[in-house]
Protein backbone atom coordinates (compact mmCIF):
# COMPACT_ATOMS: atom_id res chain seq x y z
CA MET A 1 0.00 0.00 0.00
CA ILE A 2 2.81 2.49 0.86
CA ASP A 3 5.60 3.07 -1.66
CA HIS A 4 7.94 5.66 -0.12
CA LEU A 5 8.27 8.67 2.17
CA ASP A 6 7.55 12.01 0.51
CA HIS A 7 8.27 14.40 3.38
CA LEU A 8 8.30 14.66 7.13
CA VAL A 9 7.86 17.63 9.43
CA LEU A 10 10.50 18.89 11.84
CA THR A 11 9.41 21.27 14.59
CA THR A 12 12.01 23.79 15.72
CA SER A 13 12.33 26.68 18.13
CA ALA A 14 15.75 27.57 16.65
CA GLU A 15 15.04 28.29 12.98
CA GLU A 16 18.40 29.86 12.07
CA ALA A 17 20.54 27.19 13.74
CA THR A 18 18.38 24.40 12.32
CA THR A 19 18.54 25.88 8.82
CA HIS A 20 22.33 26.21 9.08
CA PHE A 21 22.69 22.57 10.16
CA TYR A 22 20.51 21.03 7.45
CA VAL A 23 21.67 23.33 4.63
CA ASN A 24 25.32 24.13 5.39
CA VAL A 25 26.37 21.00 7.28
CA LEU A 26 24.22 18.27 5.68
CA GLY A 27 24.07 19.92 2.24
CA MET A 28 20.30 20.00 1.79
CA THR A 29 18.67 22.71 -0.33
CA LEU A 30 16.50 25.35 1.33
CA GLU A 31 13.14 25.66 -0.39
CA THR A 32 10.43 28.24 0.28
CA PHE A 33 6.86 27.35 -0.67
CA GLY A 34 3.26 28.30 0.08
CA ALA A 35 2.90 31.35 2.29
CA GLY A 36 6.60 31.58 3.18
CA ARG A 37 6.94 28.06 4.53
CA LYS A 38 10.40 26.47 4.48
CA ALA A 39 11.66 22.99 3.71
CA PHE A 40 14.97 21.23 3.31
CA ARG A 41 15.10 19.24 0.06
CA PHE A 42 17.37 16.26 -0.58
CA GLY A 43 16.98 13.65 -3.32
CA ASN A 44 13.28 13.08 -3.91
CA GLN A 45 12.31 13.94 -0.35
CA LYS A 46 12.04 16.96 1.86
CA ILE A 47 11.76 17.99 5.48
CA ASN A 48 9.10 20.64 6.06
CA LEU A 49 9.92 23.05 8.86
CA HIS A 50 7.39 24.09 11.50
CA ILE A 51 8.23 26.82 13.98
CA ARG A 52 7.17 25.84 17.50
CA GLY A 53 4.02 27.72 18.45
CA HIS A 54 3.32 28.58 14.79
CA GLU A 55 2.77 25.10 13.35
CA VAL A 56 0.69 24.59 10.22
CA GLU A 57 -2.59 22.72 10.69
CA PRO A 58 -3.13 19.88 10.78
CA LYS A 59 -0.11 18.98 12.87
CA ALA A 60 1.14 16.15 15.06
CA HIS A 61 -0.63 15.71 18.39
CA LEU A 62 2.41 16.89 20.39
CA PRO A 63 4.85 18.65 18.02
CA VAL A 64 8.00 19.28 20.02
CA PRO A 65 11.58 20.04 19.05
CA GLY A 66 14.06 17.23 19.66
CA SER A 67 11.70 14.30 19.28
CA LEU A 68 12.94 12.92 15.94
CA ASP A 69 15.28 10.00 15.35
CA LEU A 70 16.20 9.98 11.64
CA CYS A 71 18.53 7.94 9.46
CA PHE A 72 19.87 9.42 6.22
CA ILE A 73 21.82 7.50 3.58
CA ALA A 74 24.78 9.61 2.49
CA ALA A 75 25.40 10.48 -1.16
CA VAL A 76 29.16 10.35 -0.53
CA PRO A 77 31.38 7.87 1.36
CA LEU A 78 30.88 7.98 5.14
CA ASP A 79 34.52 9.02 5.65
CA GLN A 80 33.75 12.22 3.72
CA VAL A 81 30.69 12.79 5.92
CA ILE A 82 32.84 12.39 9.04
CA GLN A 83 35.34 14.92 7.66
CA LYS A 84 32.56 17.43 6.84
CA LEU A 85 31.03 17.03 10.31
CA GLY A 86 34.43 17.63 11.91
CA SER A 87 35.12 20.72 9.80
CA ASN A 88 31.77 22.11 11.02
CA SER A 89 32.50 21.25 14.68
CA VAL A 90 29.65 18.75 14.81
CA LYS A 91 30.38 16.17 17.50
CA ILE A 92 29.91 12.53 16.54
CA GLU A 93 28.01 10.98 19.42
CA GLN A 94 28.59 7.40 18.29
CA GLY A 95 30.25 5.63 15.42
CA PRO A 96 31.17 4.61 12.95
CA VAL A 97 29.16 1.51 13.89
CA GLU A 98 27.49 -1.25 11.89
CA ARG A 99 23.69 -1.31 11.87
CA THR A 100 20.89 -2.74 9.74
CA GLY A 101 19.10 -0.41 7.33
CA ALA A 102 15.96 -0.96 5.27
CA LEU A 103 17.94 -2.66 2.48
CA GLY A 104 20.78 -4.34 4.38
CA LYS A 105 23.85 -3.66 6.50
CA ILE A 106 24.91 -0.04 6.95
CA ARG A 107 27.82 1.78 8.55
CA SER A 108 26.64 4.78 10.57
CA VAL A 109 27.59 7.78 12.65
CA TYR A 110 25.21 9.52 15.06
CA VAL A 111 25.05 13.27 15.66
CA ARG A 112 22.56 15.73 17.14
CA ASP A 113 21.01 18.65 15.29
CA PRO A 114 20.56 22.01 17.08
CA GLU A 115 17.25 20.80 18.60
CA LEU A 116 18.94 17.57 19.81
CA ASN A 117 17.13 15.35 17.31
CA LEU A 118 19.15 12.18 16.78
CA ILE A 119 20.55 12.12 13.25
CA GLU A 120 22.08 8.90 11.91
CA ILE A 121 24.08 9.25 8.70
CA SER A 122 24.91 6.00 6.97
CA GLU A 123 26.35 4.23 3.97
CA TYR A 124 25.34 0.77 2.78
CA LEU A 125 27.99 -1.91 3.12
CA PRO A 126 28.71 -4.27 0.22
CA ALA A 127 26.80 -7.58 0.42
CA ASN A 128 28.93 -10.55 1.41
């Protein structure tokens, strides 16, 4: 019944810091749509941004900053991701570690965005 994820919504109380992290650190594209709404686009997906206290209806039952746990598959080797995170003073909380993704084994690092959402950035490992 479900084919893929189109977008998700991230609630923030720190719009500038969050925008910097997703655009300048993770390399997503900032998009403005509708009545001045913002989103971070990557691949065929996007993250819509809601500002805490000014969420767009309908919204999640309890939209709060810092409640997301997301895994992104990197478009470049994970070692390049680690280097980019370091050059932006983003602390790696854990990793690299081996995990299981939707399509198989992945190698991941874990960081926090400005709202303390857990962000896993991964690369798929070759099949044995």
